[in-house]
Protein backbone atom coordinates (compact mmCIF):
# COMPACT_ATOMS: atom_id res chain seq x y z
CA MET A 1 11.55 -145.21 -13.92
CA ALA A 2 7.81 -145.84 -14.13
CA SER A 3 7.39 -144.76 -10.50
CA SER A 4 9.38 -141.57 -11.20
CA LEU A 5 7.10 -140.79 -14.15
CA LEU A 6 4.01 -141.36 -11.99
CA LEU A 7 5.43 -139.05 -9.31
CA LEU A 8 6.14 -136.40 -11.94
CA LEU A 9 2.59 -136.68 -13.30
CA ASP A 10 1.22 -136.46 -9.76
CA ASP A 11 3.26 -133.31 -9.12
CA ILE A 12 2.04 -131.76 -12.37
CA ALA A 13 -1.57 -132.63 -11.52
CA THR A 14 -1.15 -131.09 -8.05
CA VAL A 15 0.30 -127.89 -9.51
CA LEU A 16 -2.50 -127.68 -12.08
CA ASP A 17 -5.08 -128.25 -9.35
CA ASP A 18 -3.52 -125.45 -7.25
CA VAL A 19 -3.46 -123.17 -10.28
CA SER A 20 -7.10 -123.94 -11.03
CA VAL A 21 -8.22 -123.23 -7.46
CA LEU A 22 -6.16 -120.05 -7.12
CA THR A 23 -7.29 -118.80 -10.54
CA LYS A 24 -10.92 -119.22 -9.47
CA VAL A 25 -10.24 -117.34 -6.21
CA ALA A 26 -8.39 -114.56 -8.05
CA ALA A 27 -11.15 -114.31 -10.66
CA LYS A 28 -13.76 -114.00 -7.91
CA LYS A 29 -11.79 -111.24 -6.17
CA THR A 30 -11.16 -109.31 -9.38
CA ALA A 31 -14.71 -109.73 -10.72
CA GLY A 32 -15.71 -106.50 -8.99
CA VAL A 33 -13.26 -104.54 -11.13
CA LEU A 34 -14.66 -106.27 -14.22
CA GLY A 35 -17.96 -104.34 -14.18
CA ASP A 36 -16.13 -101.03 -14.12
CA ASP A 37 -13.68 -102.22 -16.77
CA LEU A 38 -16.58 -103.17 -19.06
CA ALA A 39 -18.46 -99.91 -18.51
CA LEU A 40 -15.43 -97.67 -18.97
CA ASN A 41 -14.19 -99.42 -22.11
CA ALA A 42 -17.65 -99.58 -23.66
CA GLN A 43 -18.06 -95.85 -22.98
CA GLN A 44 -14.62 -95.10 -24.45
CA VAL A 45 -15.68 -96.37 -27.90
CA THR A 46 -19.07 -94.64 -27.97
CA GLY A 47 -19.31 -92.07 -30.74
CA VAL A 48 -17.05 -94.06 -33.08
CA LYS A 49 -18.56 -94.79 -36.50
CA ALA A 50 -20.34 -98.16 -36.56
CA GLU A 51 -17.95 -99.73 -39.09
CA ARG A 52 -14.94 -98.65 -36.99
CA GLU A 53 -16.17 -99.90 -33.58
CA ILE A 54 -14.67 -103.39 -33.78
CA PRO A 55 -11.27 -102.18 -35.16
CA VAL A 56 -11.11 -99.64 -32.31
CA VAL A 57 -12.00 -102.31 -29.71
CA TRP A 58 -9.34 -104.60 -31.22
CA ALA A 59 -6.74 -101.80 -31.07
CA VAL A 60 -7.53 -101.22 -27.40
CA CYS A 61 -7.43 -104.98 -26.78
CA LYS A 62 -3.92 -105.15 -28.27
CA GLY A 63 -2.92 -102.27 -26.00
CA SER A 64 -4.35 -104.21 -23.06
CA PHE A 65 -2.23 -107.25 -23.93
CA ILE A 66 0.86 -105.00 -23.97
CA ASN A 67 -0.16 -103.59 -20.57
CA LYS A 68 -0.46 -107.12 -19.16
CA ALA A 69 2.90 -108.08 -20.71
CA ILE A 70 4.46 -105.25 -18.67
CA LEU A 71 2.47 -105.76 -15.46
CA VAL A 72 2.75 -109.55 -15.06
CA PRO A 73 6.61 -109.65 -15.02
CA ALA A 74 6.61 -106.59 -12.73
CA ALA A 75 4.20 -108.35 -10.36
CA LEU A 76 6.30 -111.53 -10.38
CA ALA A 77 9.46 -109.49 -9.63
CA ILE A 78 7.72 -107.78 -6.70
CA GLY A 79 6.34 -111.09 -5.41
CA THR A 80 9.80 -112.70 -5.60
CA TRP A 81 12.12 -109.94 -4.37
CA LEU A 82 9.84 -107.44 -2.60
CA PRO A 83 6.98 -109.48 -1.13
CA TRP A 84 6.49 -106.92 1.67
CA LEU A 85 5.43 -104.43 -1.01
CA VAL A 86 2.35 -106.45 -2.05
CA THR A 87 0.07 -105.26 0.79
CA PRO A 88 0.98 -101.55 0.46
CA LEU A 89 0.42 -101.75 -3.31
CA LEU A 90 -2.96 -103.39 -2.72
CA MET A 91 -3.88 -100.66 -0.24
CA ILE A 92 -2.85 -97.95 -2.72
CA GLY A 93 -4.85 -99.68 -5.45
CA GLY A 94 -7.86 -99.99 -3.15
CA ALA A 95 -7.68 -96.32 -2.16
CA PHE A 96 -7.38 -95.34 -5.82
CA LEU A 97 -10.45 -97.40 -6.70
CA CYS A 98 -12.43 -95.66 -3.95
CA PHE A 99 -11.16 -92.27 -5.16
CA GLU A 100 -12.27 -93.07 -8.72
CA GLY A 101 -15.74 -93.95 -7.48
CA ALA A 102 -16.02 -90.80 -5.36
CA GLU A 103 -14.72 -88.64 -8.22
CA LYS A 104 -17.28 -90.17 -10.58
CA LEU A 105 -20.15 -89.41 -8.21
CA ALA A 106 -18.87 -85.91 -7.45
CA HIS A 107 -18.49 -85.08 -11.14
CA LYS A 108 -21.99 -86.35 -11.91
CA PHE A 109 -23.92 -84.83 -8.99
CA LEU A 110 -21.83 -81.92 -7.67
CA HIS A 111 -20.61 -80.70 -11.06
CA LYS A 112 -23.70 -81.56 -13.09
CA LYS A 113 -23.46 -78.53 -15.38
CA GLU A 114 -19.83 -79.33 -16.29
CA HIS A 115 -20.76 -82.99 -16.81
CA ASP A 116 -23.66 -82.05 -19.16
CA ALA A 117 -21.45 -79.55 -21.01
CA ASP A 118 -18.76 -82.22 -21.56
CA THR A 119 -21.40 -84.62 -22.91
CA GLN A 120 -22.75 -81.98 -25.32
CA ARG A 121 -19.26 -81.09 -26.56
CA HIS A 122 -18.57 -84.77 -27.21
CA GLU A 123 -21.83 -85.21 -29.14
CA LYS A 124 -21.15 -82.11 -31.28
CA ALA A 125 -17.60 -83.27 -32.05
CA VAL A 126 -18.88 -86.69 -33.15
CA ALA A 127 -21.59 -85.14 -35.37
CA ASP A 128 -19.19 -82.63 -36.97
CA THR A 129 -18.11 -83.97 -40.40
CA SER A 130 -15.06 -81.68 -40.43
CA VAL A 131 -13.56 -83.43 -37.40
CA ASP A 132 -10.56 -85.66 -38.15
CA VAL A 133 -12.01 -89.14 -37.52
CA VAL A 134 -8.56 -90.78 -37.41
CA ALA A 135 -7.37 -88.30 -34.75
CA VAL A 136 -10.54 -88.85 -32.69
CA GLU A 137 -10.04 -92.62 -32.90
CA LYS A 138 -6.38 -92.36 -31.86
CA ASP A 139 -7.32 -90.18 -28.88
CA LYS A 140 -10.03 -92.64 -27.84
CA ILE A 141 -7.67 -95.61 -28.16
CA LYS A 142 -4.93 -93.85 -26.15
CA GLY A 143 -7.43 -92.90 -23.44
CA ALA A 144 -8.87 -96.41 -23.30
CA VAL A 145 -5.41 -98.02 -23.10
CA ARG A 146 -4.42 -95.64 -20.26
CA THR A 147 -7.63 -96.53 -18.40
CA ASP A 148 -6.98 -100.22 -19.04
CA PHE A 149 -3.46 -99.93 -17.61
CA ILE A 150 -4.82 -98.63 -14.29
CA LEU A 151 -7.57 -101.26 -14.07
CA SER A 152 -5.18 -104.01 -15.21
CA ALA A 153 -2.70 -102.97 -12.51
CA GLU A 154 -5.47 -103.29 -9.92
CA ILE A 155 -6.47 -106.74 -11.24
CA ILE A 156 -2.86 -107.97 -11.28
CA ALA A 157 -2.20 -106.54 -7.79
CA ILE A 158 -5.29 -108.29 -6.37
CA THR A 159 -4.26 -111.54 -8.09
CA LEU A 160 -0.70 -111.20 -6.75
CA GLY A 161 -2.11 -110.84 -3.24
CA THR A 162 -4.06 -114.09 -3.79
CA VAL A 163 -1.04 -116.13 -4.90
CA GLN A 164 1.46 -114.60 -2.48
CA GLY A 165 3.56 -117.33 -0.85
CA GLN A 166 2.87 -119.87 -3.61
CA PRO A 167 5.63 -121.45 -5.76
CA PHE A 168 6.89 -119.31 -8.64
CA THR A 169 5.37 -121.56 -11.34
CA THR A 170 1.97 -121.35 -9.66
CA GLN A 171 2.20 -117.56 -9.41
CA LEU A 172 3.22 -117.32 -13.08
CA SER A 173 0.42 -119.64 -14.24
CA VAL A 174 -2.30 -117.86 -12.24
CA LEU A 175 -1.17 -114.34 -13.23
CA VAL A 176 -0.91 -115.24 -16.92
CA GLY A 177 -4.24 -117.10 -16.76
CA ILE A 178 -6.06 -114.16 -15.14
CA ALA A 179 -4.42 -111.70 -17.57
CA LEU A 180 -5.62 -113.71 -20.59
CA ILE A 181 -9.09 -114.48 -19.21
CA MET A 182 -9.77 -110.89 -18.18
CA THR A 183 -8.46 -109.36 -21.42
CA ILE A 184 -10.26 -111.73 -23.78
CA GLY A 185 -13.39 -111.75 -21.63
CA VAL A 186 -13.61 -107.98 -21.18
CA TYR A 187 -12.95 -107.00 -24.79
CA GLY A 188 -15.09 -109.82 -26.16
CA LEU A 189 -17.98 -108.49 -24.07
CA VAL A 190 -17.18 -104.87 -24.99
CA ALA A 191 -17.31 -105.82 -28.69
CA GLY A 192 -20.68 -107.46 -28.11
CA ILE A 193 -22.03 -104.49 -26.14
CA VAL A 194 -21.03 -101.84 -28.70
CA LYS A 195 -22.64 -103.91 -31.45
CA LEU A 196 -25.93 -104.43 -29.62
CA ASP A 197 -27.56 -101.44 -31.32
CA ASP A 198 -26.47 -102.70 -34.76
CA ALA A 199 -27.88 -106.14 -33.98
CA GLY A 200 -31.13 -104.56 -32.78
CA LEU A 201 -31.39 -102.40 -35.89
CA TYR A 202 -30.75 -105.40 -38.15
CA LEU A 203 -33.42 -107.52 -36.43
CA SER A 204 -35.93 -104.65 -36.37
CA GLN A 205 -35.80 -104.54 -40.19
CA ARG A 206 -36.45 -108.25 -40.72
CA ALA A 207 -39.67 -109.60 -42.21
CA SER A 208 -40.51 -111.74 -39.16
CA ALA A 209 -42.67 -110.01 -36.56
CA GLY A 210 -40.83 -111.87 -33.81
CA ALA A 211 -37.43 -110.70 -35.08
CA ARG A 212 -38.68 -107.11 -35.34
CA ALA A 213 -40.01 -107.23 -31.79
CA LEU A 214 -36.71 -108.66 -30.53
CA GLY A 215 -34.78 -105.98 -32.42
CA ARG A 216 -36.87 -103.18 -30.94
CA GLY A 217 -36.39 -104.72 -27.49
CA ILE A 218 -32.61 -104.78 -27.94
CA LEU A 219 -32.57 -101.17 -29.14
CA ALA A 220 -34.63 -100.12 -26.11
CA ALA A 221 -32.52 -102.15 -23.67
CA ALA A 222 -29.03 -101.17 -24.96
CA PRO A 223 -28.91 -97.66 -23.34
CA TRP A 224 -30.21 -99.10 -20.06
CA LEU A 225 -27.54 -101.80 -20.16
CA MET A 226 -24.84 -99.13 -20.47
CA LYS A 227 -26.33 -97.22 -17.53
CA ALA A 228 -26.57 -100.42 -15.48
CA LEU A 229 -22.93 -101.26 -16.22
CA SER A 230 -21.89 -97.76 -15.20
CA VAL A 231 -23.80 -98.01 -11.90
CA ALA A 232 -22.47 -101.53 -11.27
CA GLY A 233 -18.94 -100.35 -12.06
CA THR A 234 -19.17 -97.46 -9.59
CA ALA A 235 -20.59 -99.73 -6.89
CA ALA A 236 -17.82 -102.25 -7.60
CA MET A 237 -15.19 -99.54 -7.06
CA PHE A 238 -16.42 -98.96 -3.50
CA LEU A 239 -17.02 -102.64 -2.74
CA VAL A 240 -13.70 -103.90 -4.08
CA GLY A 241 -11.64 -100.90 -2.96
CA GLY A 242 -13.26 -100.87 0.47
CA GLY A 243 -12.79 -104.63 0.78
CA ILE A 244 -9.07 -104.29 0.03
CA LEU A 245 -8.71 -101.54 2.65
CA VAL A 246 -10.70 -103.50 5.26
CA HIS A 247 -8.59 -106.64 4.79
CA GLY A 248 -5.42 -104.53 4.71
CA VAL A 249 -6.05 -103.70 8.36
CA PRO A 250 -5.94 -107.19 9.98
CA ALA A 251 -7.86 -106.27 13.15
CA LEU A 252 -10.72 -104.71 11.15
CA GLY A 253 -10.72 -107.47 8.54
CA HIS A 254 -10.90 -110.24 11.16
CA ALA A 255 -13.61 -108.40 13.08
CA VAL A 256 -15.79 -108.09 9.96
CA GLU A 257 -15.19 -111.75 9.01
CA ASP A 258 -16.01 -112.97 12.53
CA TRP A 259 -19.18 -110.87 12.64
CA ALA A 260 -20.28 -112.13 9.20
CA LYS A 261 -19.71 -115.76 10.25
CA ALA A 262 -21.54 -115.26 13.55
CA THR A 263 -24.49 -113.63 11.77
CA GLY A 264 -24.46 -116.12 8.92
CA GLY A 265 -26.66 -116.37 5.85
CA VAL A 266 -27.68 -113.49 3.63
CA PHE A 267 -27.55 -110.91 6.44
CA GLY A 268 -23.94 -111.77 7.22
CA THR A 269 -22.93 -111.47 3.57
CA LEU A 270 -24.87 -108.23 3.03
CA GLY A 271 -23.52 -106.79 6.29
CA SER A 272 -19.94 -107.57 5.25
CA MET A 273 -20.54 -105.97 1.84
CA GLY A 274 -22.11 -102.96 3.54
CA VAL A 275 -19.03 -102.46 5.72
CA ASN A 276 -16.75 -102.74 2.67
CA ALA A 277 -18.86 -100.26 0.72
CA GLY A 278 -19.06 -97.86 3.69
CA VAL A 279 -15.29 -97.92 4.19
CA GLY A 280 -14.85 -97.46 0.43
CA ILE A 281 -17.14 -94.42 0.29
CA VAL A 282 -15.48 -92.77 3.29
CA ALA A 283 -11.96 -93.50 2.00
CA GLY A 284 -12.88 -92.26 -1.48
CA ALA A 285 -14.35 -89.03 -0.10
CA ILE A 286 -11.23 -88.41 2.01
CA VAL A 287 -8.82 -89.02 -0.90
CA LEU A 288 -10.96 -86.88 -3.21
CA ALA A 289 -10.98 -84.04 -0.68
CA VAL A 290 -7.19 -84.23 -0.34
CA VAL A 291 -6.71 -84.27 -4.13
CA GLU A 292 -9.07 -81.29 -4.56
CA LEU A 293 -7.27 -79.38 -1.77
CA VAL A 294 -3.84 -80.04 -3.29
CA GLY A 295 -5.17 -78.97 -6.70
CA LYS A 296 -6.48 -75.69 -5.30
CA MET A 297 -3.22 -75.00 -3.43
CA ARG A 298 -1.22 -75.59 -6.61
CA GLY A 299 -3.60 -73.30 -8.51
CA LYS A 300 -3.03 -70.51 -5.99
CA LYS A 301 0.75 -70.93 -6.16
CA ALA A 302 0.64 -70.79 -9.97
């Protein structure tokens, strides 16, 4: 009986070790989506009154938990009964990520006037005291939860690809672990980011010269942090999406890996990232062109 207990404990320890390793791998692969997730969600709550920022973030966080509660069982069902569907779903997710990145760049640089007009309309709506604040909040929360669903689906799909072929309990543990870590981590950071300006303002009004200097530094750095997150998020779209597409084509994926190993060091890593980003940009531009073409054809038919 004692030997049976020891064997059981050894099995449990082995499973936990596998879960730990796979969770780390999945977290590393999905980290690229994290930057975009942070930037998008932080931007979604901009313009909300200071005292309502945390309640809005919490509402979106609850929506994110609901999204994960839907996506994790769906992923487990696919992994169990339709394992052949994992790679196509990953490829679709990767192509969508690249499309999002290309659309973001196109909207910013090719449709600059529209982009500036949208920003001005948003600022005027926020400043207008006659605007229904509750309705604005609900719209922001709905939009953020929809965005979260897409990004969560990408994270869960990438994680599912990592644990494919593992025992069911391992798959369940890793998927649930990643879902919890990403949700708590992302929205904890989003809450911190949206409150940076309040923290800076508070410190800038303190009696201590050091606190005032720190507060002014935070106030000056906060807008740059948002811009940096936005840039990092866009870059992550191409890197992660392109990486998924590259590895989805075995011959190309192996060729890139072999070249990176042969080159070695920083140049090998940077070269591999460059290929992923290049494939991501090209794929995103192609998908964007197709979407724009279909949109124009539908417009003509209407």
